[in-house]
């Protein structure tokens, strides 16, 4: 018995599946960009970047962070809640205190890279300013 395969039909079906797969990948890519923008908005506050820097040195509680940042505990807690809601930091209870830490060390790396880019831009801007003054 000879089995006849309709290659054109199979190829057409495969093309439709590939097109659907590409559409799904594009939608996922847009979703990731949306999540990334959300994280960047959360990190868009200077005090939150200060918190990230402080926590890069080790776990801290609200009181320690508030003193370091020079802001009230209530305000510090709001910033911590925003960072925690995006999974950038984690909390652990130790007795009566809650200690916060960085969720993933690559967050520190990413913030450090952005700071390096900023310094490079400022340096170039300084050179440009000197060039225009001369």
N, C-alpha and C. Protein backbone atom coordinates (compact mmCIF):
# COMPACT_ATOMS: atom_id res chain seq x y z
N UNK A 1 0.85 -1.17 0.00
CA UNK A 1 0.00 0.00 0.00
C UNK A 1 0.90 1.24 0.00
N UNK A 2 0.61 2.13 -0.90
CA UNK A 2 1.39 3.34 -1.06
C UNK A 2 0.65 4.51 -0.39
N UNK A 3 1.40 5.22 0.49
CA UNK A 3 0.81 6.38 1.18
C UNK A 3 1.23 7.62 0.42
N UNK A 4 0.24 8.36 0.02
CA UNK A 4 0.51 9.58 -0.74
C UNK A 4 0.48 10.76 0.23
N UNK A 5 1.50 11.57 0.18
CA UNK A 5 1.59 12.73 1.05
C UNK A 5 1.35 13.98 0.22
N UNK A 6 0.48 14.81 0.71
CA UNK A 6 0.20 16.07 0.03
C UNK A 6 1.18 17.12 0.56
N UNK A 7 2.33 17.25 -0.12
CA UNK A 7 3.39 18.13 0.35
C UNK A 7 2.96 19.60 0.35
N UNK A 8 2.23 19.99 -0.63
CA UNK A 8 1.79 21.39 -0.68
C UNK A 8 0.93 21.74 0.52
N UNK A 9 0.05 20.84 0.88
CA UNK A 9 -0.81 21.08 2.04
C UNK A 9 0.03 21.16 3.32
N UNK A 10 1.00 20.25 3.45
CA UNK A 10 1.86 20.24 4.63
C UNK A 10 2.73 21.50 4.72
N UNK A 11 3.26 21.91 3.60
CA UNK A 11 4.09 23.12 3.57
C UNK A 11 3.25 24.34 3.91
N UNK A 12 2.06 24.41 3.36
CA UNK A 12 1.15 25.52 3.67
C UNK A 12 0.83 25.56 5.16
N UNK A 13 0.56 24.40 5.72
CA UNK A 13 0.25 24.31 7.16
C UNK A 13 1.46 24.74 7.99
N UNK A 14 2.65 24.30 7.58
CA UNK A 14 3.88 24.66 8.28
C UNK A 14 4.13 26.17 8.21
N UNK A 15 3.89 26.77 7.06
CA UNK A 15 4.06 28.23 6.91
C UNK A 15 3.12 28.98 7.84
N UNK A 16 1.89 28.51 7.96
CA UNK A 16 0.93 29.15 8.87
C UNK A 16 1.41 29.04 10.32
N UNK A 17 1.92 27.89 10.69
CA UNK A 17 2.42 27.71 12.06
C UNK A 17 3.63 28.59 12.34
N UNK A 18 4.52 28.70 11.37
CA UNK A 18 5.70 29.56 11.53
C UNK A 18 5.26 31.02 11.67
N UNK A 19 4.32 31.45 10.87
CA UNK A 19 3.81 32.83 10.95
C UNK A 19 3.20 33.09 12.32
N UNK A 20 2.44 32.13 12.82
CA UNK A 20 1.84 32.27 14.15
C UNK A 20 2.92 32.33 15.22
N UNK A 21 3.93 31.50 15.09
CA UNK A 21 5.05 31.50 16.03
C UNK A 21 5.77 32.84 16.04
N UNK A 22 5.99 33.40 14.87
CA UNK A 22 6.65 34.71 14.76
C UNK A 22 5.80 35.79 15.42
N UNK A 23 4.50 35.75 15.21
CA UNK A 23 3.60 36.71 15.85
C UNK A 23 3.66 36.60 17.37
N UNK A 24 3.71 35.38 17.88
CA UNK A 24 3.79 35.16 19.32
C UNK A 24 5.11 35.70 19.86
N UNK A 25 6.21 35.45 19.15
CA UNK A 25 7.52 35.97 19.57
C UNK A 25 7.52 37.50 19.61
N UNK A 26 6.93 38.12 18.60
CA UNK A 26 6.86 39.59 18.56
C UNK A 26 6.04 40.13 19.72
N UNK A 27 4.93 39.47 20.03
CA UNK A 27 4.09 39.89 21.16
C UNK A 27 4.85 39.75 22.47
N UNK A 28 5.60 38.66 22.61
CA UNK A 28 6.39 38.46 23.83
C UNK A 28 7.48 39.52 23.94
N UNK A 29 8.08 39.86 22.82
CA UNK A 29 9.14 40.88 22.80
C UNK A 29 8.57 42.23 23.27
N UNK A 30 7.38 42.58 22.78
CA UNK A 30 6.73 43.83 23.20
C UNK A 30 6.39 43.80 24.68
N UNK A 31 5.96 42.65 25.16
CA UNK A 31 5.64 42.50 26.58
C UNK A 31 6.88 42.67 27.44
N UNK A 32 7.99 42.10 27.01
CA UNK A 32 9.26 42.25 27.74
C UNK A 32 9.68 43.71 27.76
N UNK A 33 9.55 44.41 26.64
CA UNK A 33 9.88 45.84 26.61
C UNK A 33 9.01 46.61 27.59
N UNK A 34 7.75 46.24 27.67
CA UNK A 34 6.83 46.89 28.60
C UNK A 34 7.27 46.65 30.05
N UNK A 35 7.64 45.40 30.36
CA UNK A 35 8.13 45.09 31.71
C UNK A 35 9.41 45.85 32.01
N UNK A 36 10.30 45.91 31.02
CA UNK A 36 11.57 46.62 31.21
C UNK A 36 11.32 48.10 31.48
N UNK A 37 10.41 48.70 30.74
CA UNK A 37 10.08 50.11 30.94
C UNK A 37 9.51 50.33 32.34
N UNK A 38 8.71 49.39 32.80
CA UNK A 38 8.12 49.46 34.13
C UNK A 38 9.23 49.44 35.19
N UNK A 39 10.21 48.58 35.03
CA UNK A 39 11.34 48.50 35.96
C UNK A 39 12.13 49.81 35.91
N UNK A 40 12.36 50.33 34.71
CA UNK A 40 13.11 51.58 34.57
C UNK A 40 12.37 52.74 35.23
N UNK A 41 11.03 52.77 35.11
CA UNK A 41 10.25 53.81 35.79
C UNK A 41 10.42 53.70 37.30
N UNK A 42 10.41 52.48 37.80
CA UNK A 42 10.58 52.27 39.23
C UNK A 42 11.96 52.75 39.69
N UNK A 43 12.97 52.51 38.88
CA UNK A 43 14.32 52.95 39.22
C UNK A 43 14.56 54.42 38.89
N UNK A 44 13.55 55.07 38.35
CA UNK A 44 13.68 56.46 37.91
C UNK A 44 13.71 57.48 39.03
N UNK A 45 13.58 57.06 40.27
CA UNK A 45 13.62 57.99 41.40
C UNK A 45 15.01 57.93 42.05
N UNK A 46 15.64 59.08 42.24
CA UNK A 46 17.01 59.10 42.80
C UNK A 46 17.13 58.38 44.15
N UNK A 47 16.13 58.49 45.00
CA UNK A 47 16.20 57.83 46.32
C UNK A 47 16.19 56.31 46.17
N UNK A 48 15.48 55.82 45.17
CA UNK A 48 15.44 54.37 44.96
C UNK A 48 16.80 53.87 44.47
N UNK A 49 17.46 54.68 43.66
CA UNK A 49 18.82 54.32 43.23
C UNK A 49 19.78 54.36 44.42
N UNK A 50 19.57 55.31 45.32
CA UNK A 50 20.38 55.36 46.54
C UNK A 50 20.15 54.11 47.39
N UNK A 51 18.91 53.66 47.45
CA UNK A 51 18.59 52.45 48.20
C UNK A 51 19.31 51.25 47.58
N UNK A 52 19.26 51.16 46.27
CA UNK A 52 19.96 50.06 45.58
C UNK A 52 21.44 50.09 45.91
N UNK A 53 22.03 51.28 45.87
CA UNK A 53 23.46 51.41 46.19
C UNK A 53 23.73 51.01 47.63
N UNK A 54 22.89 51.46 48.56
CA UNK A 54 23.08 51.12 49.97
C UNK A 54 22.96 49.61 50.19
N UNK A 55 21.99 48.99 49.53
CA UNK A 55 21.79 47.55 49.70
C UNK A 55 22.87 46.74 48.99
N UNK A 56 23.58 47.36 48.06
CA UNK A 56 24.68 46.65 47.40
C UNK A 56 25.81 46.37 48.39
N UNK A 57 25.81 47.12 49.49
CA UNK A 57 26.82 46.94 50.53
C UNK A 57 26.39 45.89 51.56
N UNK A 58 25.12 45.48 51.50
CA UNK A 58 24.63 44.47 52.44
C UNK A 58 23.21 44.78 52.89
N UNK A 59 22.62 43.82 53.57
CA UNK A 59 21.24 43.95 54.05
C UNK A 59 21.10 45.11 55.02
N UNK A 60 19.96 45.80 54.92
CA UNK A 60 19.69 46.92 55.82
C UNK A 60 18.21 46.95 56.15
N UNK A 61 17.90 47.51 57.32
CA UNK A 61 16.49 47.68 57.68
C UNK A 61 16.05 49.11 57.35
N UNK A 62 14.77 49.38 57.55
CA UNK A 62 14.21 50.69 57.18
C UNK A 62 14.91 51.82 57.92
N UNK A 63 15.17 51.64 59.20
CA UNK A 63 15.81 52.68 60.00
C UNK A 63 17.19 53.02 59.45
N UNK A 64 17.98 52.00 59.15
CA UNK A 64 19.32 52.22 58.61
C UNK A 64 19.26 52.95 57.26
N UNK A 65 18.34 52.54 56.43
CA UNK A 65 18.21 53.18 55.12
C UNK A 65 17.72 54.61 55.24
N UNK A 66 16.73 54.85 56.11
CA UNK A 66 16.20 56.20 56.29
C UNK A 66 17.29 57.15 56.77
N UNK A 67 18.10 56.70 57.71
CA UNK A 67 19.20 57.54 58.21
C UNK A 67 20.21 57.82 57.11
N UNK A 68 20.54 56.80 56.37
CA UNK A 68 21.53 56.97 55.29
C UNK A 68 21.02 57.92 54.21
N UNK A 69 19.73 57.81 53.86
CA UNK A 69 19.16 58.63 52.80
C UNK A 69 18.74 60.00 53.28
N UNK A 70 18.62 60.16 54.60
CA UNK A 70 18.20 61.45 55.14
C UNK A 70 16.73 61.74 54.89
N UNK A 71 15.91 60.69 54.89
CA UNK A 71 14.47 60.87 54.72
C UNK A 71 13.73 60.11 55.83
N UNK A 72 12.42 60.39 55.95
CA UNK A 72 11.63 59.73 56.99
C UNK A 72 11.46 58.24 56.70
N UNK A 73 11.22 57.49 57.78
CA UNK A 73 11.01 56.05 57.64
C UNK A 73 9.81 55.75 56.74
N UNK A 74 8.74 56.53 56.90
CA UNK A 74 7.53 56.30 56.10
C UNK A 74 7.83 56.44 54.60
N UNK A 75 8.61 57.45 54.25
CA UNK A 75 8.97 57.67 52.86
C UNK A 75 9.89 56.55 52.37
N UNK A 76 10.81 56.14 53.23
CA UNK A 76 11.72 55.04 52.89
C UNK A 76 10.92 53.76 52.64
N UNK A 77 9.94 53.51 53.49
CA UNK A 77 9.09 52.32 53.34
C UNK A 77 8.33 52.32 52.01
N UNK A 78 7.87 53.51 51.60
CA UNK A 78 7.17 53.61 50.31
C UNK A 78 8.10 53.25 49.15
N UNK A 79 9.31 53.74 49.21
CA UNK A 79 10.29 53.42 48.16
C UNK A 79 10.62 51.94 48.17
N UNK A 80 10.78 51.37 49.36
CA UNK A 80 11.07 49.95 49.46
C UNK A 80 9.92 49.11 48.90
N UNK A 81 8.70 49.53 49.18
CA UNK A 81 7.52 48.81 48.67
C UNK A 81 7.50 48.83 47.14
N UNK A 82 7.85 49.97 46.54
CA UNK A 82 7.87 50.07 45.08
C UNK A 82 8.94 49.14 44.50
N UNK A 83 10.11 49.14 45.10
CA UNK A 83 11.20 48.27 44.62
C UNK A 83 10.86 46.79 44.82
N UNK A 84 10.23 46.51 45.94
CA UNK A 84 9.86 45.13 46.24
C UNK A 84 8.75 44.63 45.31
N UNK A 85 7.81 45.50 44.98
CA UNK A 85 6.70 45.09 44.10
C UNK A 85 7.18 44.70 42.71
N UNK A 86 8.32 45.21 42.30
CA UNK A 86 8.88 44.88 40.98
C UNK A 86 9.92 43.77 41.07
N UNK A 87 10.11 43.23 42.27
CA UNK A 87 11.05 42.12 42.44
C UNK A 87 12.50 42.53 42.43
N UNK A 88 12.77 43.81 42.65
CA UNK A 88 14.15 44.29 42.64
C UNK A 88 14.85 44.04 43.98
N UNK A 89 14.06 44.03 45.04
CA UNK A 89 14.60 43.74 46.37
C UNK A 89 13.71 42.68 47.03
N UNK A 90 14.27 42.04 48.05
CA UNK A 90 13.51 41.07 48.84
C UNK A 90 13.64 41.44 50.31
N UNK A 91 12.70 40.94 51.10
CA UNK A 91 12.69 41.25 52.52
C UNK A 91 12.74 39.95 53.32
N UNK A 92 13.37 40.03 54.48
CA UNK A 92 13.36 38.90 55.41
C UNK A 92 13.20 39.44 56.83
N UNK A 93 12.42 38.74 57.60
CA UNK A 93 12.16 39.16 58.98
C UNK A 93 13.20 38.52 59.89
N UNK A 94 13.71 39.35 60.80
CA UNK A 94 14.64 38.88 61.82
C UNK A 94 14.21 39.51 63.14
N UNK A 95 13.47 38.76 63.93
CA UNK A 95 12.90 39.31 65.15
C UNK A 95 11.86 40.37 64.80
N UNK A 96 12.05 41.57 65.33
CA UNK A 96 11.12 42.66 65.07
C UNK A 96 11.47 43.44 63.81
N UNK A 97 12.67 43.22 63.31
CA UNK A 97 13.15 43.99 62.15
C UNK A 97 12.93 43.24 60.84
N UNK A 98 12.73 44.02 59.78
CA UNK A 98 12.69 43.48 58.43
C UNK A 98 13.92 44.02 57.70
N UNK A 99 14.69 43.10 57.18
CA UNK A 99 15.90 43.47 56.46
C UNK A 99 15.67 43.29 54.96
N UNK A 100 16.18 44.24 54.21
CA UNK A 100 16.02 44.25 52.77
C UNK A 100 17.35 43.95 52.11
N UNK A 101 17.27 43.27 50.98
CA UNK A 101 18.47 42.97 50.21
C UNK A 101 18.12 42.97 48.71
N UNK A 102 19.15 43.01 47.90
CA UNK A 102 18.99 43.01 46.45
C UNK A 102 18.54 41.61 46.02
N UNK A 103 17.53 41.54 45.18
CA UNK A 103 16.98 40.25 44.74
C UNK A 103 17.93 39.50 43.81
N UNK A 104 18.66 40.24 42.99
CA UNK A 104 19.54 39.62 42.00
C UNK A 104 20.76 40.53 41.85
N UNK A 105 21.96 40.00 42.03
CA UNK A 105 23.17 40.85 41.94
C UNK A 105 23.33 41.57 40.61
N UNK A 106 22.70 41.08 39.56
CA UNK A 106 22.81 41.74 38.26
C UNK A 106 22.11 43.10 38.24
N UNK A 107 21.21 43.32 39.21
CA UNK A 107 20.57 44.64 39.35
C UNK A 107 21.64 45.67 39.69
N UNK A 108 22.53 45.30 40.59
CA UNK A 108 23.64 46.19 40.97
C UNK A 108 24.53 46.44 39.76
N UNK A 109 24.81 45.39 39.02
CA UNK A 109 25.65 45.51 37.81
C UNK A 109 24.99 46.44 36.80
N UNK A 110 23.70 46.25 36.57
CA UNK A 110 22.98 47.09 35.59
C UNK A 110 23.00 48.55 36.01
N UNK A 111 22.74 48.82 37.29
CA UNK A 111 22.77 50.22 37.77
C UNK A 111 24.18 50.80 37.66
N UNK A 112 25.19 49.98 37.93
CA UNK A 112 26.58 50.42 37.81
C UNK A 112 26.94 50.76 36.38
N UNK A 113 26.48 49.96 35.44
CA UNK A 113 26.75 50.22 34.02
C UNK A 113 26.10 51.53 33.60
N UNK A 114 24.87 51.75 34.02
CA UNK A 114 24.19 53.00 33.67
C UNK A 114 24.92 54.20 34.27
N UNK A 115 25.44 54.04 35.50
CA UNK A 115 26.18 55.13 36.12
C UNK A 115 27.48 55.40 35.34
N UNK A 116 28.15 54.34 34.87
CA UNK A 116 29.37 54.50 34.07
C UNK A 116 29.07 55.24 32.76
N UNK A 117 27.95 54.88 32.13
CA UNK A 117 27.55 55.56 30.90
C UNK A 117 27.32 57.05 31.18
N UNK A 118 26.65 57.34 32.30
CA UNK A 118 26.41 58.73 32.68
C UNK A 118 27.72 59.49 32.87
N UNK A 119 28.68 58.87 33.57
CA UNK A 119 29.98 59.53 33.78
C UNK A 119 30.69 59.78 32.45
N UNK A 120 30.60 58.81 31.53
CA UNK A 120 31.20 59.00 30.21
C UNK A 120 30.54 60.16 29.47
N UNK A 121 29.22 60.26 29.56
CA UNK A 121 28.49 61.35 28.91
C UNK A 121 28.87 62.69 29.54
N UNK A 122 28.97 62.70 30.86
CA UNK A 122 29.35 63.94 31.54
C UNK A 122 30.77 64.36 31.16
N UNK A 123 31.64 63.37 31.05
CA UNK A 123 33.02 63.66 30.65
C UNK A 123 33.07 64.23 29.24
N UNK A 124 32.32 63.62 28.32
CA UNK A 124 32.26 64.13 26.94
C UNK A 124 31.65 65.51 26.92
N UNK A 125 30.61 65.71 27.73
CA UNK A 125 29.97 67.02 27.82
C UNK A 125 30.93 68.06 28.34
N UNK A 126 31.76 67.68 29.31
CA UNK A 126 32.77 68.59 29.85
C UNK A 126 33.78 68.98 28.79
N UNK A 127 34.19 68.01 27.99
CA UNK A 127 35.13 68.29 26.90
C UNK A 127 34.50 69.20 25.87
N UNK A 128 33.21 68.94 25.57
CA UNK A 128 32.50 69.80 24.62
C UNK A 128 32.38 71.22 25.15
N UNK A 129 32.06 71.33 26.43
CA UNK A 129 31.92 72.65 27.04
C UNK A 129 33.24 73.42 26.97
N UNK A 130 34.36 72.73 27.26
CA UNK A 130 35.66 73.36 27.18
C UNK A 130 35.97 73.81 25.75
N UNK A 131 35.58 72.97 24.80
CA UNK A 131 35.82 73.27 23.39
C UNK A 131 35.05 74.51 22.97
N UNK A 132 33.81 74.66 23.41
CA UNK A 132 33.00 75.81 23.04
C UNK A 132 33.43 77.08 23.76
N UNK A 133 34.01 76.94 24.94
CA UNK A 133 34.48 78.13 25.70
C UNK A 133 35.74 78.70 25.07
N UNK A 134 36.52 77.85 24.45
CA UNK A 134 37.81 78.29 23.90
C UNK A 134 37.65 79.11 22.65
